[in-house]
Amino acid sequence: MSPKPDHAILLVLEEAEMLRRMTVKDEPFPDPPQAREARCTAYHHLARSGELRVINADASVDAIF
């Protein structure tokens, strides 16, 4: 049996920062905009559910830690 985590965490980024990071790492197979938008909508729905700990990934590494 696999261990289960104590917390469910969702790291969120503003779209502009997500696109910037995707460009910097030269994403070889980027999702089409429609897929990114659908995933973002689903993540926001999960974030509002209260079942996840939502962390702003735009913050510094130290703040996120």
N, C-alpha and C. Protein backbone atom coordinates (compact mmCIF):
# COMPACT_ATOMS: atom_id res chain seq x y z
N MET A 1 0.85 -1.17 0.00
CA MET A 1 0.00 0.00 0.00
C MET A 1 0.90 1.24 0.00
N SER A 2 0.58 2.19 -0.83
CA SER A 2 1.36 3.42 -0.93
C SER A 2 0.96 4.40 0.16
N PRO A 3 1.94 5.15 0.68
CA PRO A 3 1.58 6.17 1.68
C PRO A 3 0.77 7.29 1.03
N LYS A 4 -0.08 7.91 1.81
CA LYS A 4 -0.89 9.02 1.32
C LYS A 4 -0.36 10.31 1.94
N PRO A 5 -0.28 11.37 1.14
CA PRO A 5 0.22 12.64 1.66
C PRO A 5 -0.75 13.23 2.69
N ASP A 6 -0.22 14.03 3.58
CA ASP A 6 -1.04 14.69 4.60
C ASP A 6 -1.82 15.86 4.02
N HIS A 7 -1.30 16.46 2.95
CA HIS A 7 -1.93 17.64 2.38
C HIS A 7 -1.95 17.54 0.86
N ALA A 8 -2.96 18.13 0.28
CA ALA A 8 -3.03 18.30 -1.17
C ALA A 8 -2.68 19.76 -1.46
N ILE A 9 -1.71 19.97 -2.33
CA ILE A 9 -1.21 21.32 -2.58
C ILE A 9 -1.39 21.66 -4.06
N LEU A 10 -1.81 22.90 -4.30
CA LEU A 10 -1.95 23.42 -5.65
C LEU A 10 -1.11 24.68 -5.75
N LEU A 11 -0.07 24.64 -6.58
CA LEU A 11 0.75 25.83 -6.84
C LEU A 11 0.11 26.56 -8.02
N VAL A 12 -0.17 27.84 -7.84
CA VAL A 12 -0.81 28.62 -8.90
C VAL A 12 0.11 29.75 -9.36
N LEU A 13 0.05 30.02 -10.66
CA LEU A 13 0.82 31.10 -11.29
C LEU A 13 -0.12 31.97 -12.10
N GLU A 14 0.19 33.23 -12.20
CA GLU A 14 -0.52 34.09 -13.14
C GLU A 14 -0.19 33.60 -14.55
N GLU A 15 -1.13 33.77 -15.46
CA GLU A 15 -0.94 33.26 -16.82
C GLU A 15 0.30 33.84 -17.49
N ALA A 16 0.54 35.13 -17.32
CA ALA A 16 1.70 35.76 -17.95
C ALA A 16 3.00 35.12 -17.47
N GLU A 17 3.09 34.83 -16.18
CA GLU A 17 4.30 34.20 -15.63
C GLU A 17 4.43 32.77 -16.12
N MET A 18 3.32 32.06 -16.21
CA MET A 18 3.35 30.69 -16.72
C MET A 18 3.87 30.68 -18.16
N LEU A 19 3.38 31.61 -18.98
CA LEU A 19 3.83 31.68 -20.37
C LEU A 19 5.30 32.07 -20.46
N ARG A 20 5.74 32.98 -19.59
CA ARG A 20 7.15 33.39 -19.57
C ARG A 20 8.04 32.20 -19.23
N ARG A 21 7.65 31.43 -18.21
CA ARG A 21 8.46 30.27 -17.81
C ARG A 21 8.47 29.21 -18.90
N MET A 22 7.34 29.03 -19.58
CA MET A 22 7.27 28.08 -20.67
C MET A 22 8.23 28.47 -21.78
N THR A 23 8.33 29.76 -22.05
CA THR A 23 9.24 30.26 -23.08
C THR A 23 10.70 30.09 -22.65
N VAL A 24 10.99 30.41 -21.39
CA VAL A 24 12.36 30.31 -20.88
C VAL A 24 12.86 28.87 -20.96
N LYS A 25 12.01 27.92 -20.61
CA LYS A 25 12.48 26.53 -20.64
C LYS A 25 12.34 25.90 -22.03
N ASP A 26 11.84 26.69 -22.99
CA ASP A 26 11.69 26.23 -24.37
C ASP A 26 10.88 24.93 -24.42
N GLU A 27 9.68 25.00 -23.86
CA GLU A 27 8.77 23.85 -23.79
C GLU A 27 8.64 23.22 -25.18
N PRO A 28 9.06 21.95 -25.34
CA PRO A 28 9.05 21.34 -26.68
C PRO A 28 7.64 20.96 -27.18
N PHE A 29 6.72 20.68 -26.27
CA PHE A 29 5.37 20.28 -26.66
C PHE A 29 4.34 21.08 -25.86
N PRO A 30 4.24 22.38 -26.11
CA PRO A 30 3.29 23.19 -25.34
C PRO A 30 1.84 22.80 -25.65
N ASP A 31 1.02 22.86 -24.62
CA ASP A 31 -0.41 22.61 -24.81
C ASP A 31 -1.02 23.74 -25.62
N PRO A 32 -2.04 23.44 -26.40
CA PRO A 32 -2.75 24.52 -27.09
C PRO A 32 -3.45 25.42 -26.07
N PRO A 33 -3.67 26.67 -26.41
CA PRO A 33 -4.29 27.60 -25.46
C PRO A 33 -5.61 27.09 -24.87
N GLN A 34 -6.43 26.41 -25.67
CA GLN A 34 -7.71 25.90 -25.17
C GLN A 34 -7.49 24.88 -24.05
N ALA A 35 -6.49 24.03 -24.18
CA ALA A 35 -6.20 23.03 -23.15
C ALA A 35 -5.71 23.71 -21.87
N ARG A 36 -4.85 24.72 -22.02
CA ARG A 36 -4.36 25.46 -20.84
C ARG A 36 -5.50 26.16 -20.13
N GLU A 37 -6.40 26.77 -20.91
CA GLU A 37 -7.54 27.47 -20.31
C GLU A 37 -8.46 26.50 -19.57
N ALA A 38 -8.72 25.33 -20.15
CA ALA A 38 -9.58 24.34 -19.50
C ALA A 38 -8.94 23.84 -18.21
N ARG A 39 -7.63 23.59 -18.24
CA ARG A 39 -6.93 23.13 -17.04
C ARG A 39 -6.95 24.20 -15.97
N CYS A 40 -6.73 25.44 -16.37
CA CYS A 40 -6.74 26.56 -15.42
C CYS A 40 -8.11 26.68 -14.76
N THR A 41 -9.17 26.55 -15.54
CA THR A 41 -10.53 26.60 -15.00
C THR A 41 -10.75 25.48 -13.99
N ALA A 42 -10.29 24.28 -14.33
CA ALA A 42 -10.44 23.13 -13.41
C ALA A 42 -9.65 23.37 -12.13
N TYR A 43 -8.42 23.90 -12.24
CA TYR A 43 -7.60 24.17 -11.05
C TYR A 43 -8.26 25.23 -10.16
N HIS A 44 -8.83 26.26 -10.77
CA HIS A 44 -9.50 27.29 -9.98
C HIS A 44 -10.72 26.72 -9.26
N HIS A 45 -11.41 25.81 -9.91
CA HIS A 45 -12.56 25.15 -9.29
C HIS A 45 -12.08 24.34 -8.08
N LEU A 46 -11.00 23.59 -8.25
CA LEU A 46 -10.43 22.83 -7.13
C LEU A 46 -9.98 23.74 -6.00
N ALA A 47 -9.38 24.87 -6.36
CA ALA A 47 -8.89 25.81 -5.35
C ALA A 47 -10.05 26.33 -4.50
N ARG A 48 -11.19 26.57 -5.12
CA ARG A 48 -12.36 27.08 -4.38
C ARG A 48 -13.03 25.99 -3.55
N SER A 49 -12.72 24.72 -3.82
CA SER A 49 -13.37 23.62 -3.11
C SER A 49 -12.95 23.55 -1.64
N GLY A 50 -11.79 24.13 -1.32
CA GLY A 50 -11.30 24.06 0.04
C GLY A 50 -10.58 22.75 0.35
N GLU A 51 -10.46 21.87 -0.63
CA GLU A 51 -9.81 20.57 -0.41
C GLU A 51 -8.30 20.63 -0.60
N LEU A 52 -7.81 21.73 -1.13
CA LEU A 52 -6.39 21.86 -1.42
C LEU A 52 -5.81 23.06 -0.68
N ARG A 53 -4.54 22.98 -0.38
CA ARG A 53 -3.83 24.15 0.11
C ARG A 53 -3.27 24.86 -1.11
N VAL A 54 -3.71 26.08 -1.34
CA VAL A 54 -3.33 26.84 -2.53
C VAL A 54 -2.15 27.74 -2.18
N ILE A 55 -1.09 27.65 -2.99
CA ILE A 55 0.12 28.43 -2.78
C ILE A 55 0.40 29.24 -4.03
N ASN A 56 0.65 30.53 -3.84
CA ASN A 56 0.99 31.42 -4.95
C ASN A 56 2.44 31.15 -5.37
N ALA A 57 2.61 30.53 -6.53
CA ALA A 57 3.94 30.17 -7.01
C ALA A 57 4.66 31.36 -7.64
N ASP A 58 4.02 32.54 -7.69
CA ASP A 58 4.69 33.75 -8.14
C ASP A 58 5.63 34.27 -7.05
N ALA A 59 5.44 33.82 -5.82
CA ALA A 59 6.24 34.29 -4.70
C ALA A 59 7.67 33.74 -4.80
N SER A 60 8.52 34.23 -3.94
CA SER A 60 9.90 33.76 -3.92
C SER A 60 9.96 32.30 -3.45
N VAL A 61 11.06 31.65 -3.76
CA VAL A 61 11.24 30.26 -3.33
C VAL A 61 11.14 30.17 -1.80
N ASP A 62 11.75 31.12 -1.10
CA ASP A 62 11.70 31.10 0.36
C ASP A 62 10.27 31.24 0.88
N ALA A 63 9.49 32.12 0.27
CA ALA A 63 8.11 32.31 0.70
C ALA A 63 7.27 31.06 0.43
N ILE A 64 7.50 30.42 -0.69
CA ILE A 64 6.75 29.22 -1.03
C ILE A 64 7.11 28.09 -0.07
N PHE A 65 8.39 27.98 0.25
CA PHE A 65 8.84 26.92 1.17
C PHE A 65 8.20 27.07 2.52
